[in-house]
Each structure stands twice: as structure tokens, then as C-alpha cells.
């Protein structure tokens, strides 16, 4: 394929679902002149496999947006956010028992 021919093609990302309730999984990328041919090429690729997906998607790579490496730093958890983790609340049942025993002792 010459450079001029490659310019007429776009990169498409192929995603599939094992069943209609499962998550989308990225499978591979391919070069195609348009979305219809990209879908046809992806379908042809899956027809040779044993597992048949429930659904197949193609997305033009230029339409996909992602975070830059600099922006990804915002995803890291801050150290002062332990209260957001379920393990932080593990003491509550024992604390309730202590308070209940304390109040029962006062009422007698």
C-alpha cells in the first residue's frame, strides 16, 4: 500500500461484548476507508474464531478521547480520603455494641 493510499484510510478500534450484559473489551485496530468496511473487516476476523461475540463495535480512533499522562495524575487517590473506603467503617459494629452495653448499664 502506498503512502497516498494509506492517507485515504482511517484507523478504527474494534470492541466486542461476550454477551449483551458484559463490558466492552478492546480487541484490535484496523485500517479501513470507512466505518461500514471496518465493521465488515472486524466481523470477518471474528468469523474465524471459535468464540462468537454478542456484539461488535468499531470506533474511529480520532473520535476517541483520552487523558494525557499529565492529566492522569488527577486520578491518584489522596492520602486523606480513607473515609471513602469501606474498611474505614469496620469499627462501627463494635462501637454500637459498646454504646448499647453502656446505655443498658445506665438504665438498670
N, C-alpha and C. Protein backbone atom coordinates (compact mmCIF):
# COMPACT_ATOMS: atom_id res chain seq x y z
N UNK A 1 0.84 -1.17 0.00
CA UNK A 1 0.00 0.00 0.00
C UNK A 1 0.89 1.24 0.00
N UNK A 2 0.67 2.14 -0.90
CA UNK A 2 1.49 3.35 -0.98
C UNK A 2 1.04 4.37 0.06
N UNK A 3 1.87 5.39 0.26
CA UNK A 3 1.54 6.44 1.22
C UNK A 3 0.25 7.16 0.85
N UNK A 4 0.00 7.36 -0.42
CA UNK A 4 -1.22 8.03 -0.86
C UNK A 4 -2.45 7.20 -0.52
N UNK A 5 -2.34 5.88 -0.68
CA UNK A 5 -3.47 5.01 -0.36
C UNK A 5 -3.72 4.97 1.15
N UNK A 6 -2.67 4.98 1.95
CA UNK A 6 -2.82 4.95 3.40
C UNK A 6 -3.51 6.21 3.89
N UNK A 7 -3.29 7.34 3.25
CA UNK A 7 -3.94 8.59 3.65
C UNK A 7 -5.46 8.51 3.50
N UNK A 8 -5.94 7.68 2.60
CA UNK A 8 -7.38 7.52 2.40
C UNK A 8 -8.01 6.60 3.44
N UNK A 9 -7.21 5.95 4.26
CA UNK A 9 -7.70 5.01 5.25
C UNK A 9 -7.62 5.63 6.64
N UNK A 10 -8.55 5.23 7.49
CA UNK A 10 -8.55 5.67 8.88
C UNK A 10 -8.32 4.47 9.79
N UNK A 11 -7.82 4.73 10.98
CA UNK A 11 -7.62 3.67 11.96
C UNK A 11 -8.90 3.53 12.78
N UNK A 12 -9.40 2.31 12.88
CA UNK A 12 -10.59 2.01 13.66
C UNK A 12 -10.21 1.06 14.79
N UNK A 13 -10.77 1.32 15.96
CA UNK A 13 -10.60 0.43 17.11
C UNK A 13 -11.82 -0.49 17.16
N UNK A 14 -11.57 -1.76 17.39
CA UNK A 14 -12.65 -2.76 17.41
C UNK A 14 -12.89 -3.19 18.85
N UNK A 15 -14.15 -3.16 19.26
CA UNK A 15 -14.58 -3.58 20.60
C UNK A 15 -15.62 -4.67 20.44
N UNK A 16 -15.69 -5.55 21.43
CA UNK A 16 -16.72 -6.60 21.39
C UNK A 16 -17.29 -6.81 22.78
N UNK A 17 -18.43 -7.49 22.82
CA UNK A 17 -19.07 -7.92 24.06
C UNK A 17 -19.29 -9.42 23.96
N UNK A 18 -18.94 -10.17 25.02
CA UNK A 18 -19.16 -11.62 25.02
C UNK A 18 -20.65 -11.93 25.05
N UNK A 19 -21.39 -11.18 25.88
CA UNK A 19 -22.85 -11.26 25.88
C UNK A 19 -23.38 -9.84 26.09
N UNK A 20 -24.65 -9.67 25.95
CA UNK A 20 -25.22 -8.31 25.95
C UNK A 20 -25.12 -7.59 27.28
N UNK A 21 -24.81 -8.33 28.37
CA UNK A 21 -24.69 -7.68 29.68
C UNK A 21 -23.24 -7.49 30.10
N UNK A 22 -22.29 -7.99 29.33
CA UNK A 22 -20.89 -7.88 29.71
C UNK A 22 -20.31 -6.54 29.26
N UNK A 23 -19.13 -6.25 29.76
CA UNK A 23 -18.47 -4.98 29.42
C UNK A 23 -17.88 -5.04 28.01
N UNK A 24 -17.58 -3.88 27.46
CA UNK A 24 -16.92 -3.80 26.17
C UNK A 24 -15.45 -4.13 26.35
N UNK A 25 -14.89 -4.92 25.45
CA UNK A 25 -13.47 -5.26 25.51
C UNK A 25 -12.81 -4.83 24.21
N UNK A 26 -11.69 -4.15 24.34
CA UNK A 26 -10.93 -3.75 23.16
C UNK A 26 -10.27 -4.98 22.56
N UNK A 27 -10.38 -5.15 21.24
CA UNK A 27 -9.84 -6.33 20.59
C UNK A 27 -8.61 -6.03 19.74
N UNK A 28 -8.72 -5.13 18.79
CA UNK A 28 -7.62 -4.82 17.90
C UNK A 28 -7.94 -3.55 17.13
N UNK A 29 -6.96 -3.08 16.36
CA UNK A 29 -7.14 -1.92 15.49
C UNK A 29 -7.04 -2.38 14.05
N UNK A 30 -7.66 -1.64 13.15
CA UNK A 30 -7.55 -1.96 11.72
C UNK A 30 -7.63 -0.69 10.89
N UNK A 31 -7.15 -0.77 9.67
CA UNK A 31 -7.22 0.33 8.72
C UNK A 31 -8.36 0.06 7.76
N UNK A 32 -9.22 1.06 7.56
CA UNK A 32 -10.34 0.91 6.64
C UNK A 32 -10.72 2.27 6.07
N UNK A 33 -11.30 2.29 4.87
CA UNK A 33 -11.68 3.56 4.26
C UNK A 33 -12.92 4.20 4.90
N UNK A 34 -13.80 3.37 5.50
CA UNK A 34 -14.99 3.92 6.17
C UNK A 34 -15.48 2.94 7.24
N UNK A 35 -16.46 3.37 8.02
CA UNK A 35 -16.93 2.58 9.16
C UNK A 35 -17.60 1.28 8.73
N UNK A 36 -18.33 1.30 7.62
CA UNK A 36 -19.02 0.09 7.17
C UNK A 36 -18.02 -1.01 6.80
N UNK A 37 -16.98 -0.63 6.10
CA UNK A 37 -15.96 -1.62 5.72
C UNK A 37 -15.19 -2.07 6.96
N UNK A 38 -14.94 -1.16 7.88
CA UNK A 38 -14.25 -1.53 9.13
C UNK A 38 -15.06 -2.57 9.90
N UNK A 39 -16.37 -2.37 9.97
CA UNK A 39 -17.23 -3.33 10.67
C UNK A 39 -17.23 -4.67 9.94
N UNK A 40 -17.27 -4.63 8.64
CA UNK A 40 -17.24 -5.85 7.85
C UNK A 40 -15.91 -6.61 8.05
N UNK A 41 -14.80 -5.87 8.08
CA UNK A 41 -13.50 -6.50 8.30
C UNK A 41 -13.40 -7.09 9.70
N UNK A 42 -13.93 -6.38 10.70
CA UNK A 42 -13.91 -6.89 12.07
C UNK A 42 -14.77 -8.15 12.18
N UNK A 43 -15.92 -8.13 11.55
CA UNK A 43 -16.81 -9.30 11.55
C UNK A 43 -16.13 -10.49 10.89
N UNK A 44 -15.45 -10.25 9.79
CA UNK A 44 -14.72 -11.31 9.10
C UNK A 44 -13.65 -11.92 10.00
N UNK A 45 -12.98 -11.06 10.77
CA UNK A 45 -11.95 -11.55 11.69
C UNK A 45 -12.57 -12.45 12.77
N UNK A 46 -13.72 -12.07 13.29
CA UNK A 46 -14.35 -12.86 14.36
C UNK A 46 -14.98 -14.14 13.83
N UNK A 47 -15.31 -14.19 12.53
CA UNK A 47 -15.91 -15.41 11.97
C UNK A 47 -14.90 -16.55 11.98
N UNK A 48 -13.61 -16.25 12.05
CA UNK A 48 -12.59 -17.28 12.06
C UNK A 48 -12.29 -17.79 13.47
N UNK A 49 -12.87 -17.19 14.47
CA UNK A 49 -12.61 -17.57 15.86
C UNK A 49 -13.70 -18.52 16.35
N UNK A 50 -13.36 -19.24 17.42
CA UNK A 50 -14.35 -20.16 17.99
C UNK A 50 -15.42 -19.41 18.76
N UNK A 51 -15.01 -18.39 19.54
CA UNK A 51 -15.98 -17.63 20.32
C UNK A 51 -16.63 -16.57 19.45
N UNK A 52 -17.93 -16.56 19.43
CA UNK A 52 -18.67 -15.57 18.65
C UNK A 52 -19.18 -14.50 19.62
N UNK A 53 -18.82 -13.24 19.40
CA UNK A 53 -19.28 -12.19 20.32
C UNK A 53 -20.76 -11.90 20.12
N UNK A 54 -21.38 -11.38 21.17
CA UNK A 54 -22.78 -10.99 21.09
C UNK A 54 -22.95 -9.67 20.35
N UNK A 55 -21.91 -8.84 20.40
CA UNK A 55 -21.99 -7.53 19.78
C UNK A 55 -20.60 -7.09 19.36
N UNK A 56 -20.53 -6.27 18.32
CA UNK A 56 -19.26 -5.82 17.76
C UNK A 56 -19.38 -4.34 17.45
N UNK A 57 -18.35 -3.56 17.82
CA UNK A 57 -18.35 -2.13 17.60
C UNK A 57 -17.05 -1.70 16.94
N UNK A 58 -17.11 -0.72 16.08
CA UNK A 58 -15.90 -0.09 15.55
C UNK A 58 -16.02 1.41 15.80
N UNK A 59 -14.91 2.01 16.21
CA UNK A 59 -14.88 3.44 16.51
C UNK A 59 -13.64 4.02 15.85
N UNK A 60 -13.83 5.11 15.13
CA UNK A 60 -12.69 5.77 14.50
C UNK A 60 -11.79 6.30 15.62
N UNK A 61 -10.51 5.98 15.53
CA UNK A 61 -9.57 6.32 16.61
C UNK A 61 -9.57 7.83 16.89
N UNK A 62 -9.73 8.64 15.87
CA UNK A 62 -9.70 10.09 16.09
C UNK A 62 -10.91 10.57 16.89
N UNK A 63 -11.95 9.76 17.00
CA UNK A 63 -13.12 10.12 17.79
C UNK A 63 -13.02 9.66 19.24
N UNK A 64 -11.95 8.98 19.57
CA UNK A 64 -11.73 8.53 20.94
C UNK A 64 -10.90 9.58 21.66
N UNK A 65 -11.32 9.91 22.86
CA UNK A 65 -10.60 10.91 23.65
C UNK A 65 -10.06 10.23 24.90
N UNK A 66 -8.86 10.60 25.28
CA UNK A 66 -8.24 10.00 26.45
C UNK A 66 -7.46 11.06 27.19
N UNK A 67 -7.10 10.72 28.43
CA UNK A 67 -6.36 11.65 29.27
C UNK A 67 -4.88 11.61 28.90
N UNK A 68 -4.28 12.77 28.92
CA UNK A 68 -2.83 12.84 28.69
C UNK A 68 -2.12 12.33 29.94
N UNK A 69 -0.86 11.94 29.83
CA UNK A 69 -0.13 11.47 31.02
C UNK A 69 -0.12 12.51 32.14
N UNK A 70 -0.08 13.78 31.80
CA UNK A 70 -0.09 14.82 32.82
C UNK A 70 -1.44 14.87 33.56
N UNK A 71 -2.53 14.65 32.82
CA UNK A 71 -3.86 14.69 33.42
C UNK A 71 -4.14 13.46 34.28
N UNK A 72 -3.49 12.35 34.00
CA UNK A 72 -3.74 11.12 34.75
C UNK A 72 -3.37 11.23 36.22
N UNK A 73 -2.49 12.16 36.54
CA UNK A 73 -2.09 12.35 37.94
C UNK A 73 -3.30 12.72 38.80
N UNK A 74 -4.32 13.32 38.21
CA UNK A 74 -5.52 13.68 38.97
C UNK A 74 -6.32 12.46 39.41
N UNK A 75 -6.07 11.30 38.83
CA UNK A 75 -6.80 10.09 39.20
C UNK A 75 -6.27 9.42 40.46
N UNK A 76 -5.06 9.77 40.86
CA UNK A 76 -4.47 9.12 42.05
C UNK A 76 -5.20 9.56 43.30
N UNK A 77 -5.42 8.60 44.17
CA UNK A 77 -6.16 8.85 45.41
C UNK A 77 -5.29 9.64 46.38
N UNK A 78 -5.88 10.63 46.99
CA UNK A 78 -5.17 11.40 48.01
C UNK A 78 -5.13 10.59 49.30
N UNK A 79 -4.12 10.80 50.10
CA UNK A 79 -3.96 10.02 51.33
C UNK A 79 -5.01 10.35 52.39
N UNK A 80 -5.66 11.48 52.31
CA UNK A 80 -6.61 11.87 53.35
C UNK A 80 -8.05 11.45 53.02
N UNK A 81 -8.24 10.51 52.14
CA UNK A 81 -9.60 10.11 51.74
C UNK A 81 -9.95 8.70 52.22
N UNK A 82 -9.39 8.25 53.34
CA UNK A 82 -9.67 6.90 53.83
C UNK A 82 -11.15 6.69 54.14
N UNK A 83 -11.85 7.74 54.52
CA UNK A 83 -13.26 7.60 54.85
C UNK A 83 -14.10 7.13 53.66
N UNK A 84 -13.56 7.18 52.47
CA UNK A 84 -14.28 6.71 51.29
C UNK A 84 -14.17 5.20 51.10
N UNK A 85 -13.30 4.56 51.84
CA UNK A 85 -13.08 3.12 51.71
C UNK A 85 -13.95 2.37 52.72
N UNK A 86 -14.58 1.26 52.32
CA UNK A 86 -15.43 0.50 53.25
C UNK A 86 -14.67 0.02 54.49
N UNK A 87 -13.40 -0.28 54.36
CA UNK A 87 -12.63 -0.77 55.51
C UNK A 87 -12.55 0.28 56.62
N UNK A 88 -12.69 1.52 56.27
CA UNK A 88 -12.63 2.59 57.27
C UNK A 88 -13.78 2.49 58.27
N UNK A 89 -14.88 1.89 57.88
CA UNK A 89 -16.06 1.81 58.73
C UNK A 89 -16.19 0.47 59.46
N UNK A 90 -15.14 -0.34 59.46
CA UNK A 90 -15.18 -1.65 60.10
C UNK A 90 -15.38 -1.60 61.60
N UNK A 91 -15.04 -0.48 62.24
CA UNK A 91 -15.15 -0.36 63.69
C UNK A 91 -16.59 -0.07 64.14
N UNK A 92 -17.47 0.29 63.26
CA UNK A 92 -18.82 0.75 63.65
C UNK A 92 -19.62 -0.32 64.40
N UNK A 93 -19.69 -1.59 63.95
CA UNK A 93 -20.46 -2.57 64.73
C UNK A 93 -19.96 -2.72 66.18
N UNK A 94 -18.66 -2.74 66.37
CA UNK A 94 -18.14 -2.87 67.74
C UNK A 94 -18.45 -1.62 68.56
N UNK A 95 -18.40 -0.47 67.93
CA UNK A 95 -18.72 0.78 68.63
C UNK A 95 -20.18 0.81 69.05
N UNK A 96 -21.08 0.31 68.16
CA UNK A 96 -22.50 0.24 68.51
C UNK A 96 -22.72 -0.68 69.70
N UNK A 97 -22.02 -1.82 69.72
CA UNK A 97 -22.14 -2.74 70.86
C UNK A 97 -21.69 -2.08 72.16
N UNK A 98 -20.60 -1.35 72.10
CA UNK A 98 -20.09 -0.65 73.30
C UNK A 98 -21.13 0.35 73.81
N UNK A 99 -21.68 1.14 72.90
CA UNK A 99 -22.67 2.14 73.30
C UNK A 99 -23.94 1.50 73.85
N UNK A 100 -24.34 0.40 73.23
CA UNK A 100 -25.55 -0.29 73.67
C UNK A 100 -25.34 -0.85 75.08
N UNK A 101 -24.18 -1.48 75.35
CA UNK A 101 -23.88 -2.02 76.67
C UNK A 101 -23.79 -0.90 77.71
N UNK A 102 -23.23 0.21 77.31
CA UNK A 102 -23.09 1.35 78.21
C UNK A 102 -24.47 1.90 78.60
N UNK A 103 -25.38 2.02 77.63
CA UNK A 103 -26.72 2.52 77.88
C UNK A 103 -27.57 1.53 78.67
N UNK A 104 -27.38 0.23 78.44
CA UNK A 104 -28.13 -0.78 79.19
C UNK A 104 -27.71 -0.73 80.66
N UNK A 105 -26.43 -0.53 80.92
CA UNK A 105 -25.93 -0.45 82.29
C UNK A 105 -26.49 0.75 83.04
N UNK A 106 -26.75 1.86 82.35
CA UNK A 106 -27.28 3.07 82.99
C UNK A 106 -28.77 2.93 83.31
N UNK A 107 -29.50 2.19 82.50
CA UNK A 107 -30.95 2.12 82.69
C UNK A 107 -31.33 1.18 83.83
N UNK A 108 -30.46 0.34 84.27
CA UNK A 108 -30.79 -0.62 85.35
C UNK A 108 -30.65 0.00 86.68
